[in-house]
Amino acid sequence: ITTKPVYSAAKNQWTLDLSGDVEKLYNKGVSSVEVTFTATLNAASITAGNGNPNTVGLEYTNKIYPS
């Protein structure tokens, strides 16, 4: 299963939603999920102050089976 993140310019954030794939993951016997994110800064990137707060948030549950 390959799920691509969605970028919101209004919120300046990426979202990766796997909720639609939970049953598929369960049926394949998946017991863990690894998320890797790679980014490259270019010349226009703001790397200090308010331009790059460098924060992350994670919402998860241990339930990997259909509810």
PDB file of N, CA and C in Angstrom:
ATOM      1  N   ILE A   1       0.851  -1.167   0.000  1.00  0.00           N
ATOM      2  CA  ILE A   1       0.000   0.000   0.000  1.00  0.00           C
ATOM      3  C   ILE A   1       0.900   1.233   0.000  1.00  0.00           C
ATOM      4  N   THR A   2       0.681   2.092  -0.952  1.00  0.00           N
ATOM      5  CA  THR A   2       1.430   3.333  -1.019  1.00  0.00           C
ATOM      6  C   THR A   2       0.442   4.481  -0.908  1.00  0.00           C
ATOM      7  N   THR A   3       0.608   5.280   0.117  1.00  0.00           N
ATOM      8  CA  THR A   3      -0.253   6.432   0.330  1.00  0.00           C
ATOM      9  C   THR A   3       0.607   7.680   0.296  1.00  0.00           C
ATOM     10  N   LYS A   4       0.200   8.657  -0.477  1.00  0.00           N
ATOM     11  CA  LYS A   4       0.975   9.884  -0.599  1.00  0.00           C
ATOM     12  C   LYS A   4       0.419  10.945   0.341  1.00  0.00           C
ATOM     13  N   PRO A   5       1.305  11.727   0.951  1.00  0.00           N
ATOM     14  CA  PRO A   5       0.842  12.815   1.809  1.00  0.00           C
ATOM     15  C   PRO A   5       0.235  13.937   0.978  1.00  0.00           C
ATOM     16  N   VAL A   6      -0.605  14.732   1.624  1.00  0.00           N
ATOM     17  CA  VAL A   6      -1.250  15.875   0.982  1.00  0.00           C
ATOM     18  C   VAL A   6      -0.745  17.141   1.657  1.00  0.00           C
ATOM     19  N   TYR A   7      -0.345  18.122   0.862  1.00  0.00           N
ATOM     20  CA  TYR A   7       0.158  19.379   1.403  1.00  0.00           C
ATOM     21  C   TYR A   7      -0.931  20.437   1.384  1.00  0.00           C
ATOM     22  N   SER A   8      -1.094  21.158   2.482  1.00  0.00           N
ATOM     23  CA  SER A   8      -2.019  22.284   2.571  1.00  0.00           C
ATOM     24  C   SER A   8      -1.197  23.561   2.699  1.00  0.00           C
ATOM     25  N   ALA A   9      -1.211  24.385   1.651  1.00  0.00           N
ATOM     26  CA  ALA A   9      -0.479  25.651   1.697  1.00  0.00           C
ATOM     27  C   ALA A   9      -1.104  26.594   2.722  1.00  0.00           C
ATOM     28  N   ALA A  10      -2.432  26.530   2.878  1.00  0.00           N
ATOM     29  CA  ALA A  10      -3.117  27.408   3.831  1.00  0.00           C
ATOM     30  C   ALA A  10      -2.671  27.125   5.265  1.00  0.00           C
ATOM     31  N   LYS A  11      -2.438  25.852   5.582  1.00  0.00           N
ATOM     32  CA  LYS A  11      -2.004  25.469   6.929  1.00  0.00           C
ATOM     33  C   LYS A  11      -0.498  25.263   7.013  1.00  0.00           C
ATOM     34  N   ASN A  12       0.176  25.272   5.848  1.00  0.00           N
ATOM     35  CA  ASN A  12       1.608  24.995   5.763  1.00  0.00           C
ATOM     36  C   ASN A  12       1.954  23.683   6.461  1.00  0.00           C
ATOM     37  N   GLN A  13       1.212  22.630   6.078  1.00  0.00           N
ATOM     38  CA  GLN A  13       1.447  21.325   6.701  1.00  0.00           C
ATOM     39  C   GLN A  13       1.137  20.190   5.727  1.00  0.00           C
ATOM     40  N   TRP A  14       1.781  19.066   5.989  1.00  0.00           N
ATOM     41  CA  TRP A  14       1.561  17.828   5.248  1.00  0.00           C
ATOM     42  C   TRP A  14       0.688  16.922   6.097  1.00  0.00           C
ATOM     43  N   THR A  15      -0.199  16.155   5.459  1.00  0.00           N
ATOM     44  CA  THR A  15      -1.038  15.191   6.163  1.00  0.00           C
ATOM     45  C   THR A  15      -0.948  13.852   5.445  1.00  0.00           C
ATOM     46  N   LEU A  16      -0.726  12.811   6.211  1.00  0.00           N
ATOM     47  CA  LEU A  16      -0.708  11.444   5.674  1.00  0.00           C
ATOM     48  C   LEU A  16      -1.816  10.689   6.383  1.00  0.00           C
ATOM     49  N   ASP A  17      -2.859  10.327   5.656  1.00  0.00           N
ATOM     50  CA  ASP A  17      -4.032   9.685   6.233  1.00  0.00           C
ATOM     51  C   ASP A  17      -4.092   8.225   5.789  1.00  0.00           C
ATOM     52  N   LEU A  18      -3.891   7.315   6.731  1.00  0.00           N
ATOM     53  CA  LEU A  18      -3.944   5.886   6.430  1.00  0.00           C
ATOM     54  C   LEU A  18      -5.267   5.255   6.845  1.00  0.00           C
ATOM     55  N   SER A  19      -6.204   6.063   7.317  1.00  0.00           N
ATOM     56  CA  SER A  19      -7.445   5.508   7.857  1.00  0.00           C
ATOM     57  C   SER A  19      -8.222   4.679   6.831  1.00  0.00           C
ATOM     58  N   GLY A  20      -8.142   5.051   5.567  1.00  0.00           N
ATOM     59  CA  GLY A  20      -8.835   4.279   4.537  1.00  0.00           C
ATOM     60  C   GLY A  20      -8.174   2.948   4.228  1.00  0.00           C
ATOM     61  N   ASP A  21      -6.948   2.758   4.698  1.00  0.00           N
ATOM     62  CA  ASP A  21      -6.197   1.528   4.413  1.00  0.00           C
ATOM     63  C   ASP A  21      -6.125   0.572   5.593  1.00  0.00           C
ATOM     64  N   VAL A  22      -6.763   0.907   6.708  1.00  0.00           N
ATOM     65  CA  VAL A  22      -6.632   0.094   7.922  1.00  0.00           C
ATOM     66  C   VAL A  22      -7.067  -1.349   7.684  1.00  0.00           C
ATOM     67  N   GLU A  23      -8.191  -1.555   7.035  1.00  0.00           N
ATOM     68  CA  GLU A  23      -8.668  -2.910   6.802  1.00  0.00           C
ATOM     69  C   GLU A  23      -7.717  -3.673   5.880  1.00  0.00           C
ATOM     70  N   LYS A  24      -7.197  -3.014   4.844  1.00  0.00           N
ATOM     71  CA  LYS A  24      -6.235  -3.654   3.941  1.00  0.00           C
ATOM     72  C   LYS A  24      -4.978  -4.063   4.705  1.00  0.00           C
ATOM     73  N   LEU A  25      -4.482  -3.170   5.559  1.00  0.00           N
ATOM     74  CA  LEU A  25      -3.291  -3.475   6.355  1.00  0.00           C
ATOM     75  C   LEU A  25      -3.557  -4.657   7.278  1.00  0.00           C
ATOM     76  N   TYR A  26      -4.701  -4.659   7.932  1.00  0.00           N
ATOM     77  CA  TYR A  26      -5.072  -5.742   8.842  1.00  0.00           C
ATOM     78  C   TYR A  26      -5.145  -7.074   8.096  1.00  0.00           C
ATOM     79  N   ASN A  27      -5.791  -7.076   6.933  1.00  0.00           N
ATOM     80  CA  ASN A  27      -5.944  -8.306   6.156  1.00  0.00           C
ATOM     81  C   ASN A  27      -4.612  -8.849   5.653  1.00  0.00           C
ATOM     82  N   LYS A  28      -3.608  -7.994   5.516  1.00  0.00           N
ATOM     83  CA  LYS A  28      -2.281  -8.433   5.080  1.00  0.00           C
ATOM     84  C   LYS A  28      -1.394  -8.822   6.254  1.00  0.00           C
ATOM     85  N   GLY A  29      -1.915  -8.742   7.480  1.00  0.00           N
ATOM     86  CA  GLY A  29      -1.143  -9.134   8.655  1.00  0.00           C
ATOM     87  C   GLY A  29      -0.123  -8.102   9.098  1.00  0.00           C
ATOM     88  N   VAL A  30      -0.312  -6.856   8.694  1.00  0.00           N
ATOM     89  CA  VAL A  30       0.632  -5.798   9.052  1.00  0.00           C
ATOM     90  C   VAL A  30       0.499  -5.492  10.541  1.00  0.00           C
ATOM     91  N   SER A  31       1.624  -5.468  11.239  1.00  0.00           N
ATOM     92  CA  SER A  31       1.595  -5.173  12.673  1.00  0.00           C
ATOM     93  C   SER A  31       2.275  -3.852  13.006  1.00  0.00           C
ATOM     94  N   SER A  32       2.915  -3.218  12.019  1.00  0.00           N
ATOM     95  CA  SER A  32       3.532  -1.920  12.262  1.00  0.00           C
ATOM     96  C   SER A  32       3.607  -1.148  10.946  1.00  0.00           C
ATOM     97  N   VAL A  33       3.721   0.163  11.075  1.00  0.00           N
ATOM     98  CA  VAL A  33       3.821   1.039   9.914  1.00  0.00           C
ATOM     99  C   VAL A  33       4.990   1.979  10.140  1.00  0.00           C
ATOM    100  N   GLU A  34       5.845   2.125   9.147  1.00  0.00           N
ATOM    101  CA  GLU A  34       6.970   3.053   9.217  1.00  0.00           C
ATOM    102  C   GLU A  34       6.737   4.169   8.215  1.00  0.00           C
ATOM    103  N   VAL A  35       6.847   5.404   8.669  1.00  0.00           N
ATOM    104  CA  VAL A  35       6.683   6.559   7.797  1.00  0.00           C
ATOM    105  C   VAL A  35       8.032   7.252   7.690  1.00  0.00           C
ATOM    106  N   THR A  36       8.497   7.431   6.472  1.00  0.00           N
ATOM    107  CA  THR A  36       9.758   8.127   6.221  1.00  0.00           C
ATOM    108  C   THR A  36       9.455   9.336   5.347  1.00  0.00           C
ATOM    109  N   PHE A  37       9.992  10.468   5.746  1.00  0.00           N
ATOM    110  CA  PHE A  37       9.757  11.706   4.996  1.00  0.00           C
ATOM    111  C   PHE A  37      11.100  12.340   4.701  1.00  0.00           C
ATOM    112  N   THR A  38      11.354  12.619   3.439  1.00  0.00           N
ATOM    113  CA  THR A  38      12.596  13.251   3.025  1.00  0.00           C
ATOM    114  C   THR A  38      12.261  14.553   2.310  1.00  0.00           C
ATOM    115  N   ALA A  39      12.990  15.592   2.634  1.00  0.00           N
ATOM    116  CA  ALA A  39      12.767  16.886   1.993  1.00  0.00           C
ATOM    117  C   ALA A  39      14.112  17.498   1.628  1.00  0.00           C
ATOM    118  N   THR A  40      14.095  18.311   0.600  1.00  0.00           N
ATOM    119  CA  THR A  40      15.293  19.022   0.169  1.00  0.00           C
ATOM    120  C   THR A  40      14.998  20.512   0.198  1.00  0.00           C
ATOM    121  N   LEU A  41      15.837  21.257   0.894  1.00  0.00           N
ATOM    122  CA  LEU A  41      15.688  22.707   0.938  1.00  0.00           C
ATOM    123  C   LEU A  41      16.328  23.314  -0.302  1.00  0.00           C
ATOM    124  N   ASN A  42      15.656  24.304  -0.873  1.00  0.00           N
ATOM    125  CA  ASN A  42      16.229  24.981  -2.030  1.00  0.00           C
ATOM    126  C   ASN A  42      16.663  26.393  -1.631  1.00  0.00           C
ATOM    127  N   ALA A  43      17.118  27.178  -2.582  1.00  0.00           N
ATOM    128  CA  ALA A  43      17.643  28.520  -2.299  1.00  0.00           C
ATOM    129  C   ALA A  43      16.579  29.451  -1.721  1.00  0.00           C
ATOM    130  N   ALA A  44      15.300  29.205  -2.001  1.00  0.00           N
ATOM    131  CA  ALA A  44      14.225  30.061  -1.498  1.00  0.00           C
ATOM    132  C   ALA A  44      13.734  29.634  -0.113  1.00  0.00           C
ATOM    133  N   SER A  45      14.271  28.556   0.430  1.00  0.00           N
ATOM    134  CA  SER A  45      13.822  28.047   1.728  1.00  0.00           C
ATOM    135  C   SER A  45      14.219  28.981   2.867  1.00  0.00           C
ATOM    136  N   ILE A  46      13.294  29.168   3.783  1.00  0.00           N
ATOM    137  CA  ILE A  46      13.565  29.943   4.998  1.00  0.00           C
ATOM    138  C   ILE A  46      13.919  28.928   6.073  1.00  0.00           C
ATOM    139  N   THR A  47      15.125  29.002   6.587  1.00  0.00           N
ATOM    140  CA  THR A  47      15.600  27.965   7.512  1.00  0.00           C
ATOM    141  C   THR A  47      15.744  28.447   8.945  1.00  0.00           C
ATOM    142  N   ALA A  48      15.268  29.641   9.242  1.00  0.00           N
ATOM    143  CA  ALA A  48      15.375  30.147  10.613  1.00  0.00           C
ATOM    144  C   ALA A  48      14.142  30.970  10.953  1.00  0.00           C
ATOM    145  N   GLY A  49      13.929  31.200  12.242  1.00  0.00           N
ATOM    146  CA  GLY A  49      12.823  32.041  12.689  1.00  0.00           C
ATOM    147  C   GLY A  49      11.473  31.416  12.432  1.00  0.00           C
ATOM    148  N   ASN A  50      10.510  32.248  12.071  1.00  0.00           N
ATOM    149  CA  ASN A  50       9.130  31.789  11.880  1.00  0.00           C
ATOM    150  C   ASN A  50       8.917  31.017  10.586  1.00  0.00           C
ATOM    151  N   GLY A  51       9.862  31.078   9.666  1.00  0.00           N
ATOM    152  CA  GLY A  51       9.698  30.414   8.379  1.00  0.00           C
ATOM    153  C   GLY A  51       9.770  28.905   8.455  1.00  0.00           C
ATOM    154  N   ASN A  52      10.471  28.374   9.426  1.00  0.00           N
ATOM    155  CA  ASN A  52      10.636  26.929   9.541  1.00  0.00           C
ATOM    156  C   ASN A  52      10.542  26.532  11.018  1.00  0.00           C
ATOM    157  N   PRO A  53       9.333  26.358  11.528  1.00  0.00           N
ATOM    158  CA  PRO A  53       9.201  26.024  12.951  1.00  0.00           C
ATOM    159  C   PRO A  53       9.705  24.624  13.291  1.00  0.00           C
ATOM    160  N   ASN A  54       9.865  23.756  12.276  1.00  0.00           N
ATOM    161  CA  ASN A  54      10.418  22.417  12.481  1.00  0.00           C
ATOM    162  C   ASN A  54       9.712  21.661  13.596  1.00  0.00           C
ATOM    163  N   THR A  55       8.399  21.562  13.485  1.00  0.00           N
ATOM    164  CA  THR A  55       7.609  20.823  14.468  1.00  0.00           C
ATOM    165  C   THR A  55       6.916  19.659  13.785  1.00  0.00           C
ATOM    166  N   VAL A  56       6.516  18.696  14.574  1.00  0.00           N
ATOM    167  CA  VAL A  56       5.806  17.542  14.046  1.00  0.00           C
ATOM    168  C   VAL A  56       4.715  17.145  15.030  1.00  0.00           C
ATOM    169  N   GLY A  57       3.628  16.622  14.505  1.00  0.00           N
ATOM    170  CA  GLY A  57       2.549  16.108  15.338  1.00  0.00           C
ATOM    171  C   GLY A  57       2.171  14.726  14.835  1.00  0.00           C
ATOM    172  N   LEU A  58       1.731  13.879  15.733  1.00  0.00           N
ATOM    173  CA  LEU A  58       1.382  12.518  15.357  1.00  0.00           C
ATOM    174  C   LEU A  58       0.146  12.097  16.124  1.00  0.00           C
ATOM    175  N   GLU A  59      -0.865  11.649  15.396  1.00  0.00           N
ATOM    176  CA  GLU A  59      -2.053  11.083  16.006  1.00  0.00           C
ATOM    177  C   GLU A  59      -2.096   9.620  15.603  1.00  0.00           C
ATOM    178  N   TYR A  60      -2.264   8.743  16.569  1.00  0.00           N
ATOM    179  CA  TYR A  60      -2.281   7.326  16.236  1.00  0.00           C
ATOM    180  C   TYR A  60      -3.109   6.553  17.252  1.00  0.00           C
ATOM    181  N   THR A  61      -3.359   5.317  16.919  1.00  0.00           N
ATOM    182  CA  THR A  61      -4.016   4.388  17.817  1.00  0.00           C
ATOM    183  C   THR A  61      -3.342   3.041  17.662  1.00  0.00           C
ATOM    184  N   ASN A  62      -3.418   2.223  18.662  1.00  0.00           N
ATOM    185  CA  ASN A  62      -2.866   0.873  18.571  1.00  0.00           C
ATOM    186  C   ASN A  62      -3.822  -0.082  17.874  1.00  0.00           C
ATOM    187  N   LYS A  63      -5.032   0.378  17.578  1.00  0.00           N
ATOM    188  CA  LYS A  63      -5.996  -0.457  16.892  1.00  0.00           C
ATOM    189  C   LYS A  63      -5.622  -0.523  15.419  1.00  0.00           C
ATOM    190  N   ILE A  64      -5.269  -1.681  14.916  1.00  0.00           N
ATOM    191  CA  ILE A  64      -4.926  -1.839  13.507  1.00  0.00           C
ATOM    192  C   ILE A  64      -5.951  -2.758  12.836  1.00  0.00           C
ATOM    193  N   TYR A  65      -7.087  -2.875  13.447  1.00  0.00           N
ATOM    194  CA  TYR A  65      -8.142  -3.695  12.896  1.00  0.00           C
ATOM    195  C   TYR A  65      -9.372  -2.817  12.649  1.00  0.00           C
ATOM    196  N   PRO A  66     -10.244  -3.255  11.766  1.00  0.00           N
ATOM    197  CA  PRO A  66     -11.449  -2.450  11.484  1.00  0.00           C
ATOM    198  C   PRO A  66     -12.282  -2.271  12.735  1.00  0.00           C
ATOM    199  N   SER A  67     -12.825  -1.072  12.918  1.00  0.00           N
ATOM    200  CA  SER A  67     -13.641  -0.813  14.098  1.00  0.00           C
ATOM    201  C   SER A  67     -15.085  -1.204  13.894  1.00  0.00           C
TER     202      SER A  67
END
